[in-house]
Amino acid sequence: MIQSVVVSALVAIVIGAAATALWRAFERRGEPGWSALVPLLNLWVLVKVARLPRWVFGLTLVPYLNVLVIAGLVVRALRAEPTPAE
């Protein structure tokens, strides 16, 4: 019983940290931060921020391949130049 509570708490912390990091990364790139919380919209915005073609979004929907594609998207998005503030 206690193990499941501990594991659940750790999973919640990891998910919260990932959502916060994605939120801040989106805001830094000029995108709305709340879009990091919407399940498929966050991938669409991630493709947009990484400045890749739209068909890459389709690759994020393929099981097993999506892990590699999303990892590459995150790396590419973090290396992208920030959008200049208007």
PDB file of N, CA and C in Angstrom:
ATOM      1  N   MET A   1       0.821  -1.198   0.000  1.00  0.00           N
ATOM      2  CA  MET A   1       0.000   0.000   0.000  1.00  0.00           C
ATOM      3  C   MET A   1       0.860   1.255   0.000  1.00  0.00           C
ATOM      4  N   ILE A   2       1.824   1.301   0.925  1.00  0.00           N
ATOM      5  CA  ILE A   2       2.667   2.487   1.030  1.00  0.00           C
ATOM      6  C   ILE A   2       3.537   2.654  -0.208  1.00  0.00           C
ATOM      7  N   GLN A   3       3.923   1.525  -0.834  1.00  0.00           N
ATOM      8  CA  GLN A   3       4.743   1.604  -2.040  1.00  0.00           C
ATOM      9  C   GLN A   3       3.980   2.260  -3.186  1.00  0.00           C
ATOM     10  N   SER A   4       2.713   1.932  -3.321  1.00  0.00           N
ATOM     11  CA  SER A   4       1.933   2.521  -4.404  1.00  0.00           C
ATOM     12  C   SER A   4       1.739   4.025  -4.185  1.00  0.00           C
ATOM     13  N   VAL A   5       1.622   4.441  -2.943  1.00  0.00           N
ATOM     14  CA  VAL A   5       1.487   5.867  -2.648  1.00  0.00           C
ATOM     15  C   VAL A   5       2.785   6.603  -2.986  1.00  0.00           C
ATOM     16  N   VAL A   6       3.911   6.006  -2.635  1.00  0.00           N
ATOM     17  CA  VAL A   6       5.213   6.612  -2.915  1.00  0.00           C
ATOM     18  C   VAL A   6       5.447   6.691  -4.423  1.00  0.00           C
ATOM     19  N   VAL A   7       5.163   5.612  -5.119  1.00  0.00           N
ATOM     20  CA  VAL A   7       5.347   5.600  -6.572  1.00  0.00           C
ATOM     21  C   VAL A   7       4.427   6.622  -7.231  1.00  0.00           C
ATOM     22  N   SER A   8       3.187   6.695  -6.789  1.00  0.00           N
ATOM     23  CA  SER A   8       2.244   7.673  -7.345  1.00  0.00           C
ATOM     24  C   SER A   8       2.725   9.095  -7.098  1.00  0.00           C
ATOM     25  N   ALA A   9       3.248   9.355  -5.927  1.00  0.00           N
ATOM     26  CA  ALA A   9       3.763  10.691  -5.617  1.00  0.00           C
ATOM     27  C   ALA A   9       4.957  11.030  -6.498  1.00  0.00           C
ATOM     28  N   LEU A  10       5.851  10.075  -6.705  1.00  0.00           N
ATOM     29  CA  LEU A  10       7.005  10.316  -7.563  1.00  0.00           C
ATOM     30  C   LEU A  10       6.597  10.569  -9.013  1.00  0.00           C
ATOM     31  N   VAL A  11       5.624   9.801  -9.489  1.00  0.00           N
ATOM     32  CA  VAL A  11       5.129  10.004 -10.856  1.00  0.00           C
ATOM     33  C   VAL A  11       4.495  11.386 -10.983  1.00  0.00           C
ATOM     34  N   ALA A  12       3.729  11.797  -9.994  1.00  0.00           N
ATOM     35  CA  ALA A  12       3.100  13.123 -10.016  1.00  0.00           C
ATOM     36  C   ALA A  12       4.155  14.227 -10.024  1.00  0.00           C
ATOM     37  N   ILE A  13       5.222  14.042  -9.270  1.00  0.00           N
ATOM     38  CA  ILE A  13       6.296  15.042  -9.238  1.00  0.00           C
ATOM     39  C   ILE A  13       6.995  15.129 -10.596  1.00  0.00           C
ATOM     40  N   VAL A  14       7.269  13.993 -11.213  1.00  0.00           N
ATOM     41  CA  VAL A  14       7.939  13.987 -12.514  1.00  0.00           C
ATOM     42  C   VAL A  14       7.056  14.628 -13.579  1.00  0.00           C
ATOM     43  N   ILE A  15       5.782  14.292 -13.594  1.00  0.00           N
ATOM     44  CA  ILE A  15       4.862  14.872 -14.576  1.00  0.00           C
ATOM     45  C   ILE A  15       4.729  16.372 -14.351  1.00  0.00           C
ATOM     46  N   GLY A  16       4.635  16.784 -13.111  1.00  0.00           N
ATOM     47  CA  GLY A  16       4.550  18.214 -12.800  1.00  0.00           C
ATOM     48  C   GLY A  16       5.795  18.972 -13.235  1.00  0.00           C
ATOM     49  N   ALA A  17       6.957  18.385 -13.004  1.00  0.00           N
ATOM     50  CA  ALA A  17       8.206  19.029 -13.412  1.00  0.00           C
ATOM     51  C   ALA A  17       8.299  19.129 -14.935  1.00  0.00           C
ATOM     52  N   ALA A  18       7.893  18.084 -15.634  1.00  0.00           N
ATOM     53  CA  ALA A  18       7.930  18.101 -17.097  1.00  0.00           C
ATOM     54  C   ALA A  18       6.963  19.146 -17.663  1.00  0.00           C
ATOM     55  N   ALA A  19       5.770  19.220 -17.084  1.00  0.00           N
ATOM     56  CA  ALA A  19       4.785  20.208 -17.549  1.00  0.00           C
ATOM     57  C   ALA A  19       5.278  21.631 -17.289  1.00  0.00           C
ATOM     58  N   THR A  20       5.892  21.848 -16.141  1.00  0.00           N
ATOM     59  CA  THR A  20       6.423  23.174 -15.822  1.00  0.00           C
ATOM     60  C   THR A  20       7.552  23.554 -16.771  1.00  0.00           C
ATOM     61  N   ALA A  21       8.445  22.614 -17.045  1.00  0.00           N
ATOM     62  CA  ALA A  21       9.560  22.891 -17.957  1.00  0.00           C
ATOM     63  C   ALA A  21       9.056  23.196 -19.365  1.00  0.00           C
ATOM     64  N   LEU A  22       8.078  22.435 -19.835  1.00  0.00           N
ATOM     65  CA  LEU A  22       7.523  22.660 -21.165  1.00  0.00           C
ATOM     66  C   LEU A  22       6.796  23.998 -21.223  1.00  0.00           C
ATOM     67  N   TRP A  23       6.062  24.326 -20.166  1.00  0.00           N
ATOM     68  CA  TRP A  23       5.358  25.618 -20.080  1.00  0.00           C
ATOM     69  C   TRP A  23       6.363  26.760 -20.225  1.00  0.00           C
ATOM     70  N   ARG A  24       7.437  26.709 -19.454  1.00  0.00           N
ATOM     71  CA  ARG A  24       8.438  27.777 -19.494  1.00  0.00           C
ATOM     72  C   ARG A  24       9.146  27.839 -20.846  1.00  0.00           C
ATOM     73  N   ALA A  25       9.406  26.682 -21.441  1.00  0.00           N
ATOM     74  CA  ALA A  25      10.056  26.655 -22.754  1.00  0.00           C
ATOM     75  C   ALA A  25       9.153  27.268 -23.817  1.00  0.00           C
ATOM     76  N   PHE A  26       7.852  26.972 -23.759  1.00  0.00           N
ATOM     77  CA  PHE A  26       6.922  27.548 -24.729  1.00  0.00           C
ATOM     78  C   PHE A  26       6.848  29.061 -24.566  1.00  0.00           C
ATOM     79  N   GLU A  27       6.761  29.545 -23.336  1.00  0.00           N
ATOM     80  CA  GLU A  27       6.692  30.983 -23.123  1.00  0.00           C
ATOM     81  C   GLU A  27       7.964  31.667 -23.598  1.00  0.00           C
ATOM     82  N   ARG A  28       9.085  31.020 -23.409  1.00  0.00           N
ATOM     83  CA  ARG A  28      10.353  31.574 -23.849  1.00  0.00           C
ATOM     84  C   ARG A  28      10.420  31.690 -25.369  1.00  0.00           C
ATOM     85  N   ARG A  29       9.713  30.829 -26.062  1.00  0.00           N
ATOM     86  CA  ARG A  29       9.689  30.843 -27.524  1.00  0.00           C
ATOM     87  C   ARG A  29       8.519  31.646 -28.098  1.00  0.00           C
ATOM     88  N   GLY A  30       7.757  32.318 -27.223  1.00  0.00           N
ATOM     89  CA  GLY A  30       6.677  33.167 -27.704  1.00  0.00           C
ATOM     90  C   GLY A  30       5.352  32.456 -27.908  1.00  0.00           C
ATOM     91  N   GLU A  31       5.221  31.247 -27.417  1.00  0.00           N
ATOM     92  CA  GLU A  31       3.970  30.486 -27.517  1.00  0.00           C
ATOM     93  C   GLU A  31       3.249  30.550 -26.171  1.00  0.00           C
ATOM     94  N   PRO A  32       1.924  30.352 -26.168  1.00  0.00           N
ATOM     95  CA  PRO A  32       1.211  30.356 -24.881  1.00  0.00           C
ATOM     96  C   PRO A  32       1.635  29.170 -24.014  1.00  0.00           C
ATOM     97  N   GLY A  33       1.957  29.447 -22.763  1.00  0.00           N
ATOM     98  CA  GLY A  33       2.434  28.407 -21.867  1.00  0.00           C
ATOM     99  C   GLY A  33       1.395  27.356 -21.544  1.00  0.00           C
ATOM    100  N   TRP A  34       0.131  27.759 -21.490  1.00  0.00           N
ATOM    101  CA  TRP A  34      -0.932  26.812 -21.138  1.00  0.00           C
ATOM    102  C   TRP A  34      -1.052  25.690 -22.163  1.00  0.00           C
ATOM    103  N   SER A  35      -0.552  25.894 -23.371  1.00  0.00           N
ATOM    104  CA  SER A  35      -0.659  24.842 -24.390  1.00  0.00           C
ATOM    105  C   SER A  35       0.199  23.624 -24.021  1.00  0.00           C
ATOM    106  N   ALA A  36       1.091  23.762 -23.057  1.00  0.00           N
ATOM    107  CA  ALA A  36       1.884  22.619 -22.596  1.00  0.00           C
ATOM    108  C   ALA A  36       1.020  21.614 -21.843  1.00  0.00           C
ATOM    109  N   LEU A  37      -0.145  22.024 -21.385  1.00  0.00           N
ATOM    110  CA  LEU A  37      -1.010  21.150 -20.601  1.00  0.00           C
ATOM    111  C   LEU A  37      -2.043  20.404 -21.433  1.00  0.00           C
ATOM    112  N   VAL A  38      -2.233  20.795 -22.680  1.00  0.00           N
ATOM    113  CA  VAL A  38      -3.233  20.164 -23.547  1.00  0.00           C
ATOM    114  C   VAL A  38      -2.548  19.035 -24.320  1.00  0.00           C
ATOM    115  N   PRO A  39      -3.045  17.791 -24.181  1.00  0.00           N
ATOM    116  CA  PRO A  39      -2.311  16.622 -24.670  1.00  0.00           C
ATOM    117  C   PRO A  39      -1.770  16.658 -26.095  1.00  0.00           C
ATOM    118  N   LEU A  40      -2.530  16.832 -27.113  1.00  0.00           N
ATOM    119  CA  LEU A  40      -1.980  16.806 -28.474  1.00  0.00           C
ATOM    120  C   LEU A  40      -1.509  18.177 -28.942  1.00  0.00           C
ATOM    121  N   LEU A  41      -2.093  19.214 -28.370  1.00  0.00           N
ATOM    122  CA  LEU A  41      -1.679  20.568 -28.740  1.00  0.00           C
ATOM    123  C   LEU A  41      -0.228  20.815 -28.356  1.00  0.00           C
ATOM    124  N   ASN A  42       0.214  20.255 -27.233  1.00  0.00           N
ATOM    125  CA  ASN A  42       1.598  20.483 -26.832  1.00  0.00           C
ATOM    126  C   ASN A  42       2.584  19.891 -27.840  1.00  0.00           C
ATOM    127  N   LEU A  43       2.242  18.769 -28.436  1.00  0.00           N
ATOM    128  CA  LEU A  43       3.118  18.194 -29.465  1.00  0.00           C
ATOM    129  C   LEU A  43       3.107  19.037 -30.730  1.00  0.00           C
ATOM    130  N   TRP A  44       1.938  19.543 -31.094  1.00  0.00           N
ATOM    131  CA  TRP A  44       1.814  20.400 -32.281  1.00  0.00           C
ATOM    132  C   TRP A  44       2.666  21.663 -32.105  1.00  0.00           C
ATOM    133  N   VAL A  45       2.570  22.279 -30.927  1.00  0.00           N
ATOM    134  CA  VAL A  45       3.350  23.489 -30.654  1.00  0.00           C
ATOM    135  C   VAL A  45       4.840  23.156 -30.595  1.00  0.00           C
ATOM    136  N   LEU A  46       5.179  21.994 -30.068  1.00  0.00           N
ATOM    137  CA  LEU A  46       6.574  21.579 -30.010  1.00  0.00           C
ATOM    138  C   LEU A  46       7.164  21.433 -31.409  1.00  0.00           C
ATOM    139  N   VAL A  47       6.396  20.882 -32.335  1.00  0.00           N
ATOM    140  CA  VAL A  47       6.845  20.782 -33.728  1.00  0.00           C
ATOM    141  C   VAL A  47       7.019  22.175 -34.320  1.00  0.00           C
ATOM    142  N   LYS A  48       6.093  23.061 -34.011  1.00  0.00           N
ATOM    143  CA  LYS A  48       6.155  24.434 -34.513  1.00  0.00           C
ATOM    144  C   LYS A  48       7.376  25.163 -33.959  1.00  0.00           C
ATOM    145  N   VAL A  49       7.630  25.017 -32.665  1.00  0.00           N
ATOM    146  CA  VAL A  49       8.767  25.678 -32.024  1.00  0.00           C
ATOM    147  C   VAL A  49      10.085  25.128 -32.572  1.00  0.00           C
ATOM    148  N   ALA A  50      10.124  23.832 -32.845  1.00  0.00           N
ATOM    149  CA  ALA A  50      11.333  23.209 -33.384  1.00  0.00           C
ATOM    150  C   ALA A  50      11.544  23.554 -34.855  1.00  0.00           C
ATOM    151  N   ARG A  51      10.566  24.214 -35.459  1.00  0.00           N
ATOM    152  CA  ARG A  51      10.620  24.633 -36.858  1.00  0.00           C
ATOM    153  C   ARG A  51      10.842  23.454 -37.802  1.00  0.00           C
ATOM    154  N   LEU A  52      10.004  22.433 -37.598  1.00  0.00           N
ATOM    155  CA  LEU A  52      10.038  21.247 -38.453  1.00  0.00           C
ATOM    156  C   LEU A  52       8.751  21.172 -39.261  1.00  0.00           C
ATOM    157  N   PRO A  53       8.737  20.385 -40.347  1.00  0.00           N
ATOM    158  CA  PRO A  53       7.516  20.245 -41.141  1.00  0.00           C
ATOM    159  C   PRO A  53       6.385  19.611 -40.330  1.00  0.00           C
ATOM    160  N   ARG A  54       5.159  19.902 -40.736  1.00  0.00           N
ATOM    161  CA  ARG A  54       3.988  19.421 -39.992  1.00  0.00           C
ATOM    162  C   ARG A  54       3.874  17.906 -39.947  1.00  0.00           C
ATOM    163  N   TRP A  55       4.403  17.214 -40.941  1.00  0.00           N
ATOM    164  CA  TRP A  55       4.254  15.757 -40.965  1.00  0.00           C
ATOM    165  C   TRP A  55       5.006  15.087 -39.815  1.00  0.00           C
ATOM    166  N   VAL A  56       5.935  15.804 -39.194  1.00  0.00           N
ATOM    167  CA  VAL A  56       6.647  15.248 -38.040  1.00  0.00           C
ATOM    168  C   VAL A  56       5.665  15.005 -36.888  1.00  0.00           C
ATOM    169  N   PHE A  57       4.614  15.831 -36.816  1.00  0.00           N
ATOM    170  CA  PHE A  57       3.585  15.623 -35.793  1.00  0.00           C
ATOM    171  C   PHE A  57       2.982  14.227 -35.926  1.00  0.00           C
ATOM    172  N   GLY A  58       2.781  13.766 -37.143  1.00  0.00           N
ATOM    173  CA  GLY A  58       2.236  12.431 -37.367  1.00  0.00           C
ATOM    174  C   GLY A  58       3.147  11.328 -36.819  1.00  0.00           C
ATOM    175  N   LEU A  59       4.450  11.570 -36.849  1.00  0.00           N
ATOM    176  CA  LEU A  59       5.386  10.584 -36.314  1.00  0.00           C
ATOM    177  C   LEU A  59       5.268  10.457 -34.801  1.00  0.00           C
ATOM    178  N   THR A  60       4.791  11.507 -34.146  1.00  0.00           N
ATOM    179  CA  THR A  60       4.629  11.434 -32.689  1.00  0.00           C
ATOM    180  C   THR A  60       3.458  10.540 -32.297  1.00  0.00           C
ATOM    181  N   LEU A  61       2.638  10.161 -33.251  1.00  0.00           N
ATOM    182  CA  LEU A  61       1.491   9.307 -32.973  1.00  0.00           C
ATOM    183  C   LEU A  61       1.782   7.824 -33.218  1.00  0.00           C
ATOM    184  N   VAL A  62       2.975   7.515 -33.721  1.00  0.00           N
ATOM    185  CA  VAL A  62       3.351   6.131 -34.010  1.00  0.00           C
ATOM    186  C   VAL A  62       3.973   5.516 -32.752  1.00  0.00           C
ATOM    187  N   PRO A  63       3.410   4.422 -32.256  1.00  0.00           N
ATOM    188  CA  PRO A  63       3.954   3.809 -31.042  1.00  0.00           C
ATOM    189  C   PRO A  63       5.430   3.443 -31.187  1.00  0.00           C
ATOM    190  N   TYR A  64       6.179   3.557 -30.118  1.00  0.00           N
ATOM    191  CA  TYR A  64       7.607   3.277 -30.006  1.00  0.00           C
ATOM    192  C   TYR A  64       8.454   4.304 -30.742  1.00  0.00           C
ATOM    193  N   LEU A  65       8.091   4.661 -31.957  1.00  0.00           N
ATOM    194  CA  LEU A  65       8.829   5.689 -32.690  1.00  0.00           C
ATOM    195  C   LEU A  65       8.642   7.047 -32.023  1.00  0.00           C
ATOM    196  N   ASN A  66       7.476   7.246 -31.401  1.00  0.00           N
ATOM    197  CA  ASN A  66       7.181   8.542 -30.801  1.00  0.00           C
ATOM    198  C   ASN A  66       8.180   8.917 -29.704  1.00  0.00           C
ATOM    199  N   VAL A  67       8.724   7.954 -29.003  1.00  0.00           N
ATOM    200  CA  VAL A  67       9.690   8.259 -27.943  1.00  0.00           C
ATOM    201  C   VAL A  67      10.922   8.936 -28.535  1.00  0.00           C
ATOM    202  N   LEU A  68      11.426   8.390 -29.620  1.00  0.00           N
ATOM    203  CA  LEU A  68      12.600   8.976 -30.273  1.00  0.00           C
ATOM    204  C   LEU A  68      12.285  10.324 -30.908  1.00  0.00           C
ATOM    205  N   VAL A  69      11.130  10.420 -31.546  1.00  0.00           N
ATOM    206  CA  VAL A  69      10.753  11.663 -32.221  1.00  0.00           C
ATOM    207  C   VAL A  69      10.565  12.781 -31.202  1.00  0.00           C
ATOM    208  N   ILE A  70       9.874  12.506 -30.104  1.00  0.00           N
ATOM    209  CA  ILE A  70       9.632  13.536 -29.099  1.00  0.00           C
ATOM    210  C   ILE A  70      10.945  13.961 -28.444  1.00  0.00           C
ATOM    211  N   ALA A  71      11.841  13.024 -28.192  1.00  0.00           N
ATOM    212  CA  ALA A  71      13.150  13.377 -27.632  1.00  0.00           C
ATOM    213  C   ALA A  71      13.901  14.300 -28.596  1.00  0.00           C
ATOM    214  N   GLY A  72      13.865  13.978 -29.872  1.00  0.00           N
ATOM    215  CA  GLY A  72      14.504  14.842 -30.867  1.00  0.00           C
ATOM    216  C   GLY A  72      13.844  16.205 -30.969  1.00  0.00           C
ATOM    217  N   LEU A  73      12.516  16.235 -30.855  1.00  0.00           N
ATOM    218  CA  LEU A  73      11.797  17.505 -30.886  1.00  0.00           C
ATOM    219  C   LEU A  73      12.198  18.403 -29.722  1.00  0.00           C
ATOM    220  N   VAL A  74      12.286  17.822 -28.552  1.00  0.00           N
ATOM    221  CA  VAL A  74      12.641  18.615 -27.370  1.00  0.00           C
ATOM    222  C   VAL A  74      14.046  19.196 -27.524  1.00  0.00           C
ATOM    223  N   VAL A  75      14.988  18.378 -27.968  1.00  0.00           N
ATOM    224  CA  VAL A  75      16.353  18.859 -28.154  1.00  0.00           C
ATOM    225  C   VAL A  75      16.384  19.965 -29.201  1.00  0.00           C
ATOM    226  N   ARG A  76      15.707  19.753 -30.310  1.00  0.00           N
ATOM    227  CA  ARG A  76      15.710  20.754 -31.379  1.00  0.00           C
ATOM    228  C   ARG A  76      14.998  22.036 -30.956  1.00  0.00           C
ATOM    229  N   ALA A  77      13.910  21.908 -30.208  1.00  0.00           N
ATOM    230  CA  ALA A  77      13.177  23.087 -29.746  1.00  0.00           C
ATOM    231  C   ALA A  77      14.014  23.901 -28.765  1.00  0.00           C
ATOM    232  N   LEU A  78      14.764  23.226 -27.908  1.00  0.00           N
ATOM    233  CA  LEU A  78      15.597  23.946 -26.946  1.00  0.00           C
ATOM    234  C   LEU A  78      16.785  24.628 -27.616  1.00  0.00           C
ATOM    235  N   ARG A  79      17.217  24.101 -28.735  1.00  0.00           N
ATOM    236  CA  ARG A  79      18.326  24.724 -29.465  1.00  0.00           C
ATOM    237  C   ARG A  79      17.865  25.847 -30.393  1.00  0.00           C
ATOM    238  N   ALA A  80      16.579  25.934 -30.660  1.00  0.00           N
ATOM    239  CA  ALA A  80      16.054  26.952 -31.564  1.00  0.00           C
ATOM    240  C   ALA A  80      16.225  28.338 -30.962  1.00  0.00           C
ATOM    241  N   GLU A  81      16.383  29.301 -31.815  1.00  0.00           N
ATOM    242  CA  GLU A  81      16.505  30.681 -31.346  1.00  0.00           C
ATOM    243  C   GLU A  81      15.177  31.165 -30.800  1.00  0.00           C
ATOM    244  N   PRO A  82      15.198  31.881 -29.678  1.00  0.00           N
ATOM    245  CA  PRO A  82      13.945  32.412 -29.136  1.00  0.00           C
ATOM    246  C   PRO A  82      13.309  33.420 -30.090  1.00  0.00           C
ATOM    247  N   THR A  83      11.984  33.467 -30.058  1.00  0.00           N
ATOM    248  CA  THR A  83      11.257  34.433 -30.872  1.00  0.00           C
ATOM    249  C   THR A  83      11.460  35.810 -30.282  1.00  0.00           C
ATOM    250  N   PRO A  84      11.840  36.809 -31.111  1.00  0.00           N
ATOM    251  CA  PRO A  84      12.061  38.141 -30.553  1.00  0.00           C
ATOM    252  C   PRO A  84      10.763  38.741 -30.005  1.00  0.00           C
ATOM    253  N   ALA A  85      10.883  39.415 -28.886  1.00  0.00           N
ATOM    254  CA  ALA A  85       9.708  40.050 -28.266  1.00  0.00           C
ATOM    255  C   ALA A  85       9.316  41.271 -29.089  1.00  0.00           C
ATOM    256  N   GLU A  86       8.042  41.439 -29.255  1.00  0.00           N
ATOM    257  CA  GLU A  86       7.556  42.577 -30.044  1.00  0.00           C
ATOM    258  C   GLU A  86       7.320  43.767 -29.162  1.00  0.00           C
TER     259      GLU A  86
END
